[in-house]
Amino acid sequence: MTPVQSNALGEFEVLMLMAALHQNERGAEANGSAIRAEIEARTARAVPRGSIYVTLDRLEDKKLLSSRLLPPTEKGRRPKRVFRATPAGVRAVKAAVSTLVSMHRGLEPVLGSGSGLDS
């Protein structure tokens, strides 16, 4: 039996990384609110605001995301923190998706071939 990898990501961490990647690919600012909106729009599930920032910090601690502060756009406003997936973050998402695709293979009769994991 193969031991579970200690660097394996949870589902929500993968969603967060993928949402940041979507924002980055569009050239948009991947701040916490934009990442939350991306996940909610694509998964049709509510995401608690607090869980976003806790997870963003954790992913940054793991070196899967990096962040920087943008200057405030209005006087008296706080600077906006924006995120970018690191090369390690991209590799982690690829590994997570690959694992799901591998586990999906052979389950098409049960799950259907339109589950979005077809390769």
PDB file of N, CA and C in Angstrom:
ATOM      1  N   MET A   1       0.836  -1.172   0.000  1.00  0.00           N
ATOM      2  CA  MET A   1       0.000   0.000   0.000  1.00  0.00           C
ATOM      3  C   MET A   1       0.886   1.242   0.000  1.00  0.00           C
ATOM      4  N   THR A   2       0.553   2.205  -0.863  1.00  0.00           N
ATOM      5  CA  THR A   2       1.322   3.434  -0.969  1.00  0.00           C
ATOM      6  C   THR A   2       0.843   4.426   0.086  1.00  0.00           C
ATOM      7  N   PRO A   3       1.775   5.050   0.819  1.00  0.00           N
ATOM      8  CA  PRO A   3       1.346   6.018   1.825  1.00  0.00           C
ATOM      9  C   PRO A   3       0.760   7.258   1.162  1.00  0.00           C
ATOM     10  N   VAL A   4      -0.165   7.919   1.869  1.00  0.00           N
ATOM     11  CA  VAL A   4      -0.754   9.159   1.371  1.00  0.00           C
ATOM     12  C   VAL A   4       0.316  10.242   1.382  1.00  0.00           C
ATOM     13  N   GLN A   5       0.371  11.007   0.292  1.00  0.00           N
ATOM     14  CA  GLN A   5       1.356  12.075   0.220  1.00  0.00           C
ATOM     15  C   GLN A   5       1.000  13.172   1.213  1.00  0.00           C
ATOM     16  N   SER A   6       1.989  13.653   1.931  1.00  0.00           N
ATOM     17  CA  SER A   6       1.737  14.718   2.893  1.00  0.00           C
ATOM     18  C   SER A   6       1.494  16.044   2.186  1.00  0.00           C
ATOM     19  N   ASN A   7       1.893  16.149   0.937  1.00  0.00           N
ATOM     20  CA  ASN A   7       1.696  17.388   0.203  1.00  0.00           C
ATOM     21  C   ASN A   7       0.433  17.360  -0.653  1.00  0.00           C
ATOM     22  N   ALA A   8      -0.395  16.328  -0.492  1.00  0.00           N
ATOM     23  CA  ALA A   8      -1.642  16.248  -1.248  1.00  0.00           C
ATOM     24  C   ALA A   8      -2.554  17.394  -0.830  1.00  0.00           C
ATOM     25  N   LEU A   9      -3.290  17.925  -1.800  1.00  0.00           N
ATOM     26  CA  LEU A   9      -4.172  19.053  -1.541  1.00  0.00           C
ATOM     27  C   LEU A   9      -5.603  18.591  -1.317  1.00  0.00           C
ATOM     28  N   GLY A  10      -6.311  19.312  -0.491  1.00  0.00           N
ATOM     29  CA  GLY A  10      -7.733  19.068  -0.311  1.00  0.00           C
ATOM     30  C   GLY A  10      -8.510  19.668  -1.479  1.00  0.00           C
ATOM     31  N   GLU A  11      -9.758  19.247  -1.603  1.00  0.00           N
ATOM     32  CA  GLU A  11     -10.598  19.730  -2.711  1.00  0.00           C
ATOM     33  C   GLU A  11     -10.689  21.254  -2.732  1.00  0.00           C
ATOM     34  N   PHE A  12     -10.904  21.868  -1.580  1.00  0.00           N
ATOM     35  CA  PHE A  12     -11.066  23.323  -1.548  1.00  0.00           C
ATOM     36  C   PHE A  12      -9.767  24.032  -1.937  1.00  0.00           C
ATOM     37  N   GLU A  13      -8.637  23.490  -1.532  1.00  0.00           N
ATOM     38  CA  GLU A  13      -7.355  24.081  -1.931  1.00  0.00           C
ATOM     39  C   GLU A  13      -7.185  24.031  -3.445  1.00  0.00           C
ATOM     40  N   VAL A  14      -7.575  22.913  -4.046  1.00  0.00           N
ATOM     41  CA  VAL A  14      -7.487  22.788  -5.512  1.00  0.00           C
ATOM     42  C   VAL A  14      -8.411  23.811  -6.171  1.00  0.00           C
ATOM     43  N   LEU A  15      -9.638  23.945  -5.651  1.00  0.00           N
ATOM     44  CA  LEU A  15     -10.562  24.940  -6.200  1.00  0.00           C
ATOM     45  C   LEU A  15      -9.987  26.346  -6.094  1.00  0.00           C
ATOM     46  N   MET A  16      -9.369  26.656  -4.975  1.00  0.00           N
ATOM     47  CA  MET A  16      -8.778  27.990  -4.776  1.00  0.00           C
ATOM     48  C   MET A  16      -7.656  28.242  -5.785  1.00  0.00           C
ATOM     49  N   LEU A  17      -6.785  27.261  -5.947  1.00  0.00           N
ATOM     50  CA  LEU A  17      -5.696  27.414  -6.913  1.00  0.00           C
ATOM     51  C   LEU A  17      -6.237  27.566  -8.333  1.00  0.00           C
ATOM     52  N   MET A  18      -7.224  26.759  -8.677  1.00  0.00           N
ATOM     53  CA  MET A  18      -7.795  26.846 -10.024  1.00  0.00           C
ATOM     54  C   MET A  18      -8.499  28.180 -10.241  1.00  0.00           C
ATOM     55  N   ALA A  19      -9.178  28.687  -9.233  1.00  0.00           N
ATOM     56  CA  ALA A  19      -9.831  29.992  -9.361  1.00  0.00           C
ATOM     57  C   ALA A  19      -8.799  31.094  -9.563  1.00  0.00           C
ATOM     58  N   ALA A  20      -7.700  31.030  -8.820  1.00  0.00           N
ATOM     59  CA  ALA A  20      -6.634  32.017  -9.003  1.00  0.00           C
ATOM     60  C   ALA A  20      -6.050  31.902 -10.414  1.00  0.00           C
ATOM     61  N   LEU A  21      -5.858  30.675 -10.890  1.00  0.00           N
ATOM     62  CA  LEU A  21      -5.339  30.484 -12.249  1.00  0.00           C
ATOM     63  C   LEU A  21      -6.301  31.059 -13.294  1.00  0.00           C
ATOM     64  N   HIS A  22      -7.597  30.857 -13.111  1.00  0.00           N
ATOM     65  CA  HIS A  22      -8.575  31.437 -14.051  1.00  0.00           C
ATOM     66  C   HIS A  22      -8.445  32.960 -14.079  1.00  0.00           C
ATOM     67  N   GLN A  23      -8.360  33.550 -12.895  1.00  0.00           N
ATOM     68  CA  GLN A  23      -8.210  35.005 -12.813  1.00  0.00           C
ATOM     69  C   GLN A  23      -6.908  35.453 -13.473  1.00  0.00           C
ATOM     70  N   ASN A  24      -5.823  34.767 -13.161  1.00  0.00           N
ATOM     71  CA  ASN A  24      -4.517  35.109 -13.732  1.00  0.00           C
ATOM     72  C   ASN A  24      -4.523  35.005 -15.250  1.00  0.00           C
ATOM     73  N   GLU A  25      -5.148  33.946 -15.773  1.00  0.00           N
ATOM     74  CA  GLU A  25      -5.180  33.734 -17.223  1.00  0.00           C
ATOM     75  C   GLU A  25      -5.965  34.818 -17.946  1.00  0.00           C
ATOM     76  N   ARG A  26      -6.958  35.385 -17.295  1.00  0.00           N
ATOM     77  CA  ARG A  26      -7.746  36.479 -17.884  1.00  0.00           C
ATOM     78  C   ARG A  26      -7.080  37.825 -17.695  1.00  0.00           C
ATOM     79  N   GLY A  27      -5.973  37.846 -16.952  1.00  0.00           N
ATOM     80  CA  GLY A  27      -5.302  39.115 -16.666  1.00  0.00           C
ATOM     81  C   GLY A  27      -6.024  39.922 -15.593  1.00  0.00           C
ATOM     82  N   ALA A  28      -6.912  39.267 -14.868  1.00  0.00           N
ATOM     83  CA  ALA A  28      -7.669  39.937 -13.805  1.00  0.00           C
ATOM     84  C   ALA A  28      -6.900  39.849 -12.494  1.00  0.00           C
ATOM     85  N   GLU A  29      -7.261  40.729 -11.564  1.00  0.00           N
ATOM     86  CA  GLU A  29      -6.652  40.696 -10.237  1.00  0.00           C
ATOM     87  C   GLU A  29      -7.273  39.569  -9.435  1.00  0.00           C
ATOM     88  N   ALA A  30      -6.469  38.632  -9.011  1.00  0.00           N
ATOM     89  CA  ALA A  30      -6.946  37.476  -8.254  1.00  0.00           C
ATOM     90  C   ALA A  30      -6.901  37.804  -6.766  1.00  0.00           C
ATOM     91  N   ASN A  31      -7.823  38.662  -6.329  1.00  0.00           N
ATOM     92  CA  ASN A  31      -7.913  38.937  -4.894  1.00  0.00           C
ATOM     93  C   ASN A  31      -8.910  37.954  -4.277  1.00  0.00           C
ATOM     94  N   GLY A  32      -9.041  38.003  -2.962  1.00  0.00           N
ATOM     95  CA  GLY A  32      -9.915  37.051  -2.288  1.00  0.00           C
ATOM     96  C   GLY A  32     -11.353  37.088  -2.783  1.00  0.00           C
ATOM     97  N   SER A  33     -11.885  38.277  -3.006  1.00  0.00           N
ATOM     98  CA  SER A  33     -13.270  38.399  -3.472  1.00  0.00           C
ATOM     99  C   SER A  33     -13.446  37.819  -4.870  1.00  0.00           C
ATOM    100  N   ALA A  34     -12.499  38.075  -5.749  1.00  0.00           N
ATOM    101  CA  ALA A  34     -12.585  37.549  -7.126  1.00  0.00           C
ATOM    102  C   ALA A  34     -12.460  36.034  -7.132  1.00  0.00           C
ATOM    103  N   ILE A  35     -11.583  35.496  -6.305  1.00  0.00           N
ATOM    104  CA  ILE A  35     -11.410  34.044  -6.214  1.00  0.00           C
ATOM    105  C   ILE A  35     -12.692  33.405  -5.683  1.00  0.00           C
ATOM    106  N   ARG A  36     -13.265  34.010  -4.664  1.00  0.00           N
ATOM    107  CA  ARG A  36     -14.528  33.508  -4.105  1.00  0.00           C
ATOM    108  C   ARG A  36     -15.631  33.525  -5.160  1.00  0.00           C
ATOM    109  N   ALA A  37     -15.759  34.619  -5.886  1.00  0.00           N
ATOM    110  CA  ALA A  37     -16.789  34.733  -6.926  1.00  0.00           C
ATOM    111  C   ALA A  37     -16.576  33.700  -8.030  1.00  0.00           C
ATOM    112  N   GLU A  38     -15.323  33.453  -8.383  1.00  0.00           N
ATOM    113  CA  GLU A  38     -14.999  32.463  -9.420  1.00  0.00           C
ATOM    114  C   GLU A  38     -15.459  31.068  -8.991  1.00  0.00           C
ATOM    115  N   ILE A  39     -15.157  30.709  -7.756  1.00  0.00           N
ATOM    116  CA  ILE A  39     -15.558  29.389  -7.251  1.00  0.00           C
ATOM    117  C   ILE A  39     -17.075  29.285  -7.196  1.00  0.00           C
ATOM    118  N   GLU A  40     -17.730  30.313  -6.662  1.00  0.00           N
ATOM    119  CA  GLU A  40     -19.191  30.272  -6.552  1.00  0.00           C
ATOM    120  C   GLU A  40     -19.851  30.179  -7.921  1.00  0.00           C
ATOM    121  N   ALA A  41     -19.331  30.910  -8.898  1.00  0.00           N
ATOM    122  CA  ALA A  41     -19.915  30.887 -10.245  1.00  0.00           C
ATOM    123  C   ALA A  41     -19.722  29.533 -10.920  1.00  0.00           C
ATOM    124  N   ARG A  42     -18.571  28.925 -10.743  1.00  0.00           N
ATOM    125  CA  ARG A  42     -18.259  27.677 -11.439  1.00  0.00           C
ATOM    126  C   ARG A  42     -18.788  26.433 -10.724  1.00  0.00           C
ATOM    127  N   THR A  43     -18.987  26.515  -9.409  1.00  0.00           N
ATOM    128  CA  THR A  43     -19.426  25.332  -8.667  1.00  0.00           C
ATOM    129  C   THR A  43     -20.863  25.447  -8.170  1.00  0.00           C
ATOM    130  N   ALA A  44     -21.433  26.629  -8.257  1.00  0.00           N
ATOM    131  CA  ALA A  44     -22.799  26.887  -7.769  1.00  0.00           C
ATOM    132  C   ALA A  44     -22.951  26.519  -6.299  1.00  0.00           C
ATOM    133  N   ARG A  45     -21.908  26.790  -5.526  1.00  0.00           N
ATOM    134  CA  ARG A  45     -22.016  26.573  -4.085  1.00  0.00           C
ATOM    135  C   ARG A  45     -21.469  27.788  -3.354  1.00  0.00           C
ATOM    136  N   ALA A  46     -22.086  28.085  -2.221  1.00  0.00           N
ATOM    137  CA  ALA A  46     -21.682  29.243  -1.424  1.00  0.00           C
ATOM    138  C   ALA A  46     -20.338  28.963  -0.758  1.00  0.00           C
ATOM    139  N   VAL A  47     -19.499  29.980  -0.727  1.00  0.00           N
ATOM    140  CA  VAL A  47     -18.184  29.858  -0.104  1.00  0.00           C
ATOM    141  C   VAL A  47     -18.097  30.901   1.013  1.00  0.00           C
ATOM    142  N   PRO A  48     -17.950  30.468   2.268  1.00  0.00           N
ATOM    143  CA  PRO A  48     -17.824  31.428   3.367  1.00  0.00           C
ATOM    144  C   PRO A  48     -16.596  32.316   3.183  1.00  0.00           C
ATOM    145  N   ARG A  49     -16.777  33.608   3.389  1.00  0.00           N
ATOM    146  CA  ARG A  49     -15.688  34.569   3.181  1.00  0.00           C
ATOM    147  C   ARG A  49     -14.457  34.222   4.022  1.00  0.00           C
ATOM    148  N   GLY A  50     -14.673  33.844   5.272  1.00  0.00           N
ATOM    149  CA  GLY A  50     -13.558  33.534   6.162  1.00  0.00           C
ATOM    150  C   GLY A  50     -12.701  32.379   5.675  1.00  0.00           C
ATOM    151  N   SER A  51     -13.323  31.385   5.057  1.00  0.00           N
ATOM    152  CA  SER A  51     -12.557  30.230   4.590  1.00  0.00           C
ATOM    153  C   SER A  51     -11.631  30.602   3.434  1.00  0.00           C
ATOM    154  N   ILE A  52     -11.986  31.632   2.690  1.00  0.00           N
ATOM    155  CA  ILE A  52     -11.153  32.071   1.564  1.00  0.00           C
ATOM    156  C   ILE A  52      -9.783  32.527   2.074  1.00  0.00           C
ATOM    157  N   TYR A  53      -9.776  33.426   3.032  1.00  0.00           N
ATOM    158  CA  TYR A  53      -8.513  34.028   3.466  1.00  0.00           C
ATOM    159  C   TYR A  53      -7.645  33.054   4.255  1.00  0.00           C
ATOM    160  N   VAL A  54      -8.278  32.192   5.048  1.00  0.00           N
ATOM    161  CA  VAL A  54      -7.519  31.164   5.767  1.00  0.00           C
ATOM    162  C   VAL A  54      -6.815  30.252   4.763  1.00  0.00           C
ATOM    163  N   THR A  55      -7.543  29.855   3.711  1.00  0.00           N
ATOM    164  CA  THR A  55      -6.974  28.947   2.713  1.00  0.00           C
ATOM    165  C   THR A  55      -5.933  29.647   1.855  1.00  0.00           C
ATOM    166  N   LEU A  56      -6.169  30.909   1.495  1.00  0.00           N
ATOM    167  CA  LEU A  56      -5.159  31.657   0.733  1.00  0.00           C
ATOM    168  C   LEU A  56      -3.851  31.745   1.518  1.00  0.00           C
ATOM    169  N   ASP A  57      -3.944  32.031   2.808  1.00  0.00           N
ATOM    170  CA  ASP A  57      -2.740  32.089   3.643  1.00  0.00           C
ATOM    171  C   ASP A  57      -2.042  30.741   3.689  1.00  0.00           C
ATOM    172  N   ARG A  58      -2.821  29.664   3.830  1.00  0.00           N
ATOM    173  CA  ARG A  58      -2.234  28.318   3.893  1.00  0.00           C
ATOM    174  C   ARG A  58      -1.525  27.981   2.582  1.00  0.00           C
ATOM    175  N   LEU A  59      -2.155  28.305   1.453  1.00  0.00           N
ATOM    176  CA  LEU A  59      -1.544  28.016   0.149  1.00  0.00           C
ATOM    177  C   LEU A  59      -0.287  28.856  -0.066  1.00  0.00           C
ATOM    178  N   GLU A  60      -0.286  30.061   0.474  1.00  0.00           N
ATOM    179  CA  GLU A  60       0.917  30.883   0.374  1.00  0.00           C
ATOM    180  C   GLU A  60       2.022  30.313   1.271  1.00  0.00           C
ATOM    181  N   ASP A  61       1.656  29.832   2.454  1.00  0.00           N
ATOM    182  CA  ASP A  61       2.637  29.192   3.338  1.00  0.00           C
ATOM    183  C   ASP A  61       3.257  27.962   2.681  1.00  0.00           C
ATOM    184  N   LYS A  62       2.453  27.250   1.891  1.00  0.00           N
ATOM    185  CA  LYS A  62       2.929  26.061   1.175  1.00  0.00           C
ATOM    186  C   LYS A  62       3.698  26.424  -0.098  1.00  0.00           C
ATOM    187  N   LYS A  63       3.806  27.720  -0.384  1.00  0.00           N
ATOM    188  CA  LYS A  63       4.512  28.226  -1.584  1.00  0.00           C
ATOM    189  C   LYS A  63       3.799  27.847  -2.879  1.00  0.00           C
ATOM    190  N   LEU A  64       2.484  27.657  -2.823  1.00  0.00           N
ATOM    191  CA  LEU A  64       1.698  27.334  -4.012  1.00  0.00           C
ATOM    192  C   LEU A  64       1.057  28.588  -4.607  1.00  0.00           C
ATOM    193  N   LEU A  65       0.967  29.627  -3.802  1.00  0.00           N
ATOM    194  CA  LEU A  65       0.519  30.945  -4.240  1.00  0.00           C
ATOM    195  C   LEU A  65       1.511  31.975  -3.735  1.00  0.00           C
ATOM    196  N   SER A  66       1.621  33.065  -4.459  1.00  0.00           N
ATOM    197  CA  SER A  66       2.366  34.215  -3.961  1.00  0.00           C
ATOM    198  C   SER A  66       1.404  35.396  -3.979  1.00  0.00           C
ATOM    199  N   SER A  67       1.682  36.396  -3.154  1.00  0.00           N
ATOM    200  CA  SER A  67       0.801  37.560  -3.128  1.00  0.00           C
ATOM    201  C   SER A  67       1.633  38.830  -3.111  1.00  0.00           C
ATOM    202  N   ARG A  68       0.937  39.906  -3.481  1.00  0.00           N
ATOM    203  CA  ARG A  68       1.539  41.233  -3.379  1.00  0.00           C
ATOM    204  C   ARG A  68       0.413  42.211  -3.065  1.00  0.00           C
ATOM    205  N   LEU A  69       0.795  43.326  -2.496  1.00  0.00           N
ATOM    206  CA  LEU A  69      -0.190  44.349  -2.152  1.00  0.00           C
ATOM    207  C   LEU A  69      -0.213  45.405  -3.243  1.00  0.00           C
ATOM    208  N   LEU A  70      -1.409  45.747  -3.699  1.00  0.00           N
ATOM    209  CA  LEU A  70      -1.585  46.850  -4.637  1.00  0.00           C
ATOM    210  C   LEU A  70      -1.862  48.111  -3.831  1.00  0.00           C
ATOM    211  N   PRO A  71      -1.398  49.249  -4.314  1.00  0.00           N
ATOM    212  CA  PRO A  71      -1.696  50.480  -3.577  1.00  0.00           C
ATOM    213  C   PRO A  71      -3.209  50.725  -3.533  1.00  0.00           C
ATOM    214  N   PRO A  72      -3.681  51.352  -2.479  1.00  0.00           N
ATOM    215  CA  PRO A  72      -5.115  51.639  -2.393  1.00  0.00           C
ATOM    216  C   PRO A  72      -5.561  52.536  -3.552  1.00  0.00           C
ATOM    217  N   THR A  73      -6.759  52.281  -4.062  1.00  0.00           N
ATOM    218  CA  THR A  73      -7.270  53.078  -5.175  1.00  0.00           C
ATOM    219  C   THR A  73      -7.912  54.376  -4.684  1.00  0.00           C
ATOM    220  N   GLU A  74      -8.317  54.400  -3.430  1.00  0.00           N
ATOM    221  CA  GLU A  74      -8.924  55.600  -2.849  1.00  0.00           C
ATOM    222  C   GLU A  74      -8.248  55.899  -1.526  1.00  0.00           C
ATOM    223  N   LYS A  75      -8.165  57.172  -1.189  1.00  0.00           N
ATOM    224  CA  LYS A  75      -7.555  57.575   0.074  1.00  0.00           C
ATOM    225  C   LYS A  75      -8.343  56.959   1.237  1.00  0.00           C
ATOM    226  N   GLY A  76      -7.623  56.402   2.179  1.00  0.00           N
ATOM    227  CA  GLY A  76      -8.249  55.793   3.339  1.00  0.00           C
ATOM    228  C   GLY A  76      -8.630  54.329   3.161  1.00  0.00           C
ATOM    229  N   ARG A  77      -8.509  53.819   1.940  1.00  0.00           N
ATOM    230  CA  ARG A  77      -8.832  52.411   1.689  1.00  0.00           C
ATOM    231  C   ARG A  77      -7.604  51.562   1.970  1.00  0.00           C
ATOM    232  N   ARG A  78      -7.857  50.304   2.308  1.00  0.00           N
ATOM    233  CA  ARG A  78      -6.744  49.373   2.540  1.00  0.00           C
ATOM    234  C   ARG A  78      -6.176  48.913   1.202  1.00  0.00           C
ATOM    235  N   PRO A  79      -4.886  48.594   1.175  1.00  0.00           N
ATOM    236  CA  PRO A  79      -4.315  48.045  -0.062  1.00  0.00           C
ATOM    237  C   PRO A  79      -4.956  46.693  -0.381  1.00  0.00           C
ATOM    238  N   LYS A  80      -5.046  46.373  -1.645  1.00  0.00           N
ATOM    239  CA  LYS A  80      -5.647  45.116  -2.080  1.00  0.00           C
ATOM    240  C   LYS A  80      -4.534  44.075  -2.246  1.00  0.00           C
ATOM    241  N   ARG A  81      -4.758  42.893  -1.695  1.00  0.00           N
ATOM    242  CA  ARG A  81      -3.795  41.794  -1.809  1.00  0.00           C
ATOM    243  C   ARG A  81      -4.237  40.909  -2.968  1.00  0.00           C
ATOM    244  N   VAL A  82      -3.342  40.719  -3.937  1.00  0.00           N
ATOM    245  CA  VAL A  82      -3.656  39.893  -5.096  1.00  0.00           C
ATOM    246  C   VAL A  82      -2.705  38.691  -5.129  1.00  0.00           C
ATOM    247  N   PHE A  83      -3.209  37.612  -5.707  1.00  0.00           N
ATOM    248  CA  PHE A  83      -2.515  36.330  -5.663  1.00  0.00           C
ATOM    249  C   PHE A  83      -2.194  35.830  -7.061  1.00  0.00           C
ATOM    250  N   ARG A  84      -1.122  35.068  -7.136  1.00  0.00           N
ATOM    251  CA  ARG A  84      -0.711  34.423  -8.378  1.00  0.00           C
ATOM    252  C   ARG A  84      -0.235  33.026  -8.025  1.00  0.00           C
ATOM    253  N   ALA A  85      -0.666  32.055  -8.828  1.00  0.00           N
ATOM    254  CA  ALA A  85      -0.193  30.684  -8.617  1.00  0.00           C
ATOM    255  C   ALA A  85       1.297  30.623  -8.959  1.00  0.00           C
ATOM    256  N   THR A  86       2.045  29.963  -8.124  1.00  0.00           N
ATOM    257  CA  THR A  86       3.476  29.757  -8.377  1.00  0.00           C
ATOM    258  C   THR A  86       3.641  28.543  -9.296  1.00  0.00           C
ATOM    259  N   PRO A  87       4.828  28.341  -9.849  1.00  0.00           N
ATOM    260  CA  PRO A  87       5.052  27.117 -10.628  1.00  0.00           C
ATOM    261  C   PRO A  87       4.731  25.854  -9.812  1.00  0.00           C
ATOM    262  N   ALA A  88       5.052  25.859  -8.519  1.00  0.00           N
ATOM    263  CA  ALA A  88       4.719  24.707  -7.664  1.00  0.00           C
ATOM    264  C   ALA A  88       3.208  24.559  -7.532  1.00  0.00           C
ATOM    265  N   GLY A  89       2.481  25.666  -7.501  1.00  0.00           N
ATOM    266  CA  GLY A  89       1.033  25.622  -7.438  1.00  0.00           C
ATOM    267  C   GLY A  89       0.422  25.026  -8.697  1.00  0.00           C
ATOM    268  N   VAL A  90       0.973  25.402  -9.847  1.00  0.00           N
ATOM    269  CA  VAL A  90       0.497  24.840 -11.119  1.00  0.00           C
ATOM    270  C   VAL A  90       0.763  23.333 -11.140  1.00  0.00           C
ATOM    271  N   ARG A  91       1.941  22.925 -10.690  1.00  0.00           N
ATOM    272  CA  ARG A  91       2.253  21.489 -10.647  1.00  0.00           C
ATOM    273  C   ARG A  91       1.307  20.749  -9.708  1.00  0.00           C
ATOM    274  N   ALA A  92       0.978  21.364  -8.583  1.00  0.00           N
ATOM    275  CA  ALA A  92       0.074  20.732  -7.616  1.00  0.00           C
ATOM    276  C   ALA A  92      -1.321  20.551  -8.209  1.00  0.00           C
ATOM    277  N   VAL A  93      -1.807  21.540  -8.958  1.00  0.00           N
ATOM    278  CA  VAL A  93      -3.117  21.413  -9.598  1.00  0.00           C
ATOM    279  C   VAL A  93      -3.073  20.318 -10.651  1.00  0.00           C
ATOM    280  N   LYS A  94      -2.019  20.291 -11.449  1.00  0.00           N
ATOM    281  CA  LYS A  94      -1.886  19.241 -12.469  1.00  0.00           C
ATOM    282  C   LYS A  94      -1.901  17.858 -11.826  1.00  0.00           C
ATOM    283  N   ALA A  95      -1.188  17.701 -10.721  1.00  0.00           N
ATOM    284  CA  ALA A  95      -1.132  16.408 -10.033  1.00  0.00           C
ATOM    285  C   ALA A  95      -2.509  16.029  -9.486  1.00  0.00           C
ATOM    286  N   ALA A  96      -3.228  16.992  -8.915  1.00  0.00           N
ATOM    287  CA  ALA A  96      -4.557  16.703  -8.365  1.00  0.00           C
ATOM    288  C   ALA A  96      -5.527  16.295  -9.464  1.00  0.00           C
ATOM    289  N   VAL A  97      -5.506  17.002 -10.583  1.00  0.00           N
ATOM    290  CA  VAL A  97      -6.392  16.669 -11.700  1.00  0.00           C
ATOM    291  C   VAL A  97      -6.026  15.304 -12.267  1.00  0.00           C
ATOM    292  N   SER A  98      -4.734  15.048 -12.404  1.00  0.00           N
ATOM    293  CA  SER A  98      -4.273  13.756 -12.916  1.00  0.00           C
ATOM    294  C   SER A  98      -4.741  12.607 -12.024  1.00  0.00           C
ATOM    295  N   THR A  99      -4.684  12.820 -10.723  1.00  0.00           N
ATOM    296  CA  THR A  99      -5.143  11.800  -9.776  1.00  0.00           C
ATOM    297  C   THR A  99      -6.633  11.535  -9.948  1.00  0.00           C
ATOM    298  N   LEU A 100      -7.422  12.594 -10.095  1.00  0.00           N
ATOM    299  CA  LEU A 100      -8.862  12.418 -10.293  1.00  0.00           C
ATOM    300  C   LEU A 100      -9.165  11.692 -11.597  1.00  0.00           C
ATOM    301  N   VAL A 101      -8.475  12.053 -12.655  1.00  0.00           N
ATOM    302  CA  VAL A 101      -8.676  11.392 -13.949  1.00  0.00           C
ATOM    303  C   VAL A 101      -8.329   9.909 -13.837  1.00  0.00           C
ATOM    304  N   SER A 102      -7.229   9.619 -13.165  1.00  0.00           N
ATOM    305  CA  SER A 102      -6.809   8.232 -12.982  1.00  0.00           C
ATOM    306  C   SER A 102      -7.846   7.436 -12.194  1.00  0.00           C
ATOM    307  N   MET A 103      -8.390   8.041 -11.152  1.00  0.00           N
ATOM    308  CA  MET A 103      -9.396   7.356 -10.340  1.00  0.00           C
ATOM    309  C   MET A 103     -10.717   7.202 -11.099  1.00  0.00           C
ATOM    310  N   HIS A 104     -11.009   8.118 -11.999  1.00  0.00           N
ATOM    311  CA  HIS A 104     -12.252   8.084 -12.774  1.00  0.00           C
ATOM    312  C   HIS A 104     -12.235   6.955 -13.810  1.00  0.00           C
ATOM    313  N   ARG A 105     -11.040   6.671 -14.356  1.00  0.00           N
ATOM    314  CA  ARG A 105     -10.931   5.637 -15.392  1.00  0.00           C
ATOM    315  C   ARG A 105     -11.495   4.324 -14.891  1.00  0.00           C
ATOM    316  N   GLY A 106     -12.381   3.739 -15.688  1.00  0.00           N
ATOM    317  CA  GLY A 106     -12.995   2.473 -15.338  1.00  0.00           C
ATOM    318  C   GLY A 106     -14.329   2.630 -14.620  1.00  0.00           C
ATOM    319  N   LEU A 107     -14.641   3.850 -14.188  1.00  0.00           N
ATOM    320  CA  LEU A 107     -15.907   4.083 -13.493  1.00  0.00           C
ATOM    321  C   LEU A 107     -16.946   4.740 -14.397  1.00  0.00           C
ATOM    322  N   GLU A 108     -16.661   4.826 -15.678  1.00  0.00           N
ATOM    323  CA  GLU A 108     -17.604   5.445 -16.609  1.00  0.00           C
ATOM    324  C   GLU A 108     -18.991   4.789 -16.564  1.00  0.00           C
ATOM    325  N   PRO A 109     -19.076   3.450 -16.425  1.00  0.00           N
ATOM    326  CA  PRO A 109     -20.411   2.841 -16.340  1.00  0.00           C
ATOM    327  C   PRO A 109     -21.212   3.322 -15.123  1.00  0.00           C
ATOM    328  N   VAL A 110     -20.518   3.663 -14.056  1.00  0.00           N
ATOM    329  CA  VAL A 110     -21.181   4.107 -12.833  1.00  0.00           C
ATOM    330  C   VAL A 110     -21.399   5.619 -12.835  1.00  0.00           C
ATOM    331  N   LEU A 111     -20.344   6.361 -13.210  1.00  0.00           N
ATOM    332  CA  LEU A 111     -20.379   7.819 -13.139  1.00  0.00           C
ATOM    333  C   LEU A 111     -20.794   8.482 -14.440  1.00  0.00           C
ATOM    334  N   GLY A 112     -20.731   7.745 -15.541  1.00  0.00           N
ATOM    335  CA  GLY A 112     -21.036   8.321 -16.854  1.00  0.00           C
ATOM    336  C   GLY A 112     -19.799   8.920 -17.477  1.00  0.00           C
ATOM    337  N   SER A 113     -19.830   9.019 -18.779  1.00  0.00           N
ATOM    338  CA  SER A 113     -18.662   9.555 -19.474  1.00  0.00           C
ATOM    339  C   SER A 113     -18.690  11.070 -19.550  1.00  0.00           C
ATOM    340  N   GLY A 114     -19.779  11.697 -19.201  1.00  0.00           N
ATOM    341  CA  GLY A 114     -19.885  13.154 -19.261  1.00  0.00           C
ATOM    342  C   GLY A 114     -19.562  13.832 -17.958  1.00  0.00           C
ATOM    343  N   SER A 115     -18.764  13.193 -17.100  1.00  0.00           N
ATOM    344  CA  SER A 115     -18.473  13.757 -15.781  1.00  0.00           C
ATOM    345  C   SER A 115     -17.452  14.877 -15.824  1.00  0.00           C
ATOM    346  N   GLY A 116     -16.878  15.150 -16.993  1.00  0.00           N
ATOM    347  CA  GLY A 116     -15.905  16.220 -17.101  1.00  0.00           C
ATOM    348  C   GLY A 116     -14.479  15.771 -16.825  1.00  0.00           C
ATOM    349  N   LEU A 117     -14.269  14.514 -16.521  1.00  0.00           N
ATOM    350  CA  LEU A 117     -12.927  14.022 -16.254  1.00  0.00           C
ATOM    351  C   LEU A 117     -12.400  13.150 -17.384  1.00  0.00           C
ATOM    352  N   ASP A 118     -13.068  13.162 -18.498  1.00  0.00           N
ATOM    353  CA  ASP A 118     -12.618  12.335 -19.624  1.00  0.00           C
ATOM    354  C   ASP A 118     -11.279  12.852 -20.130  1.00  0.00           C
ATOM    355  N   SER A 119     -10.424  11.933 -20.485  1.00  0.00           N
ATOM    356  CA  SER A 119      -9.120  12.356 -21.010  1.00  0.00           C
ATOM    357  C   SER A 119      -8.950  11.894 -22.432  1.00  0.00           C
TER     358      SER A 119
END
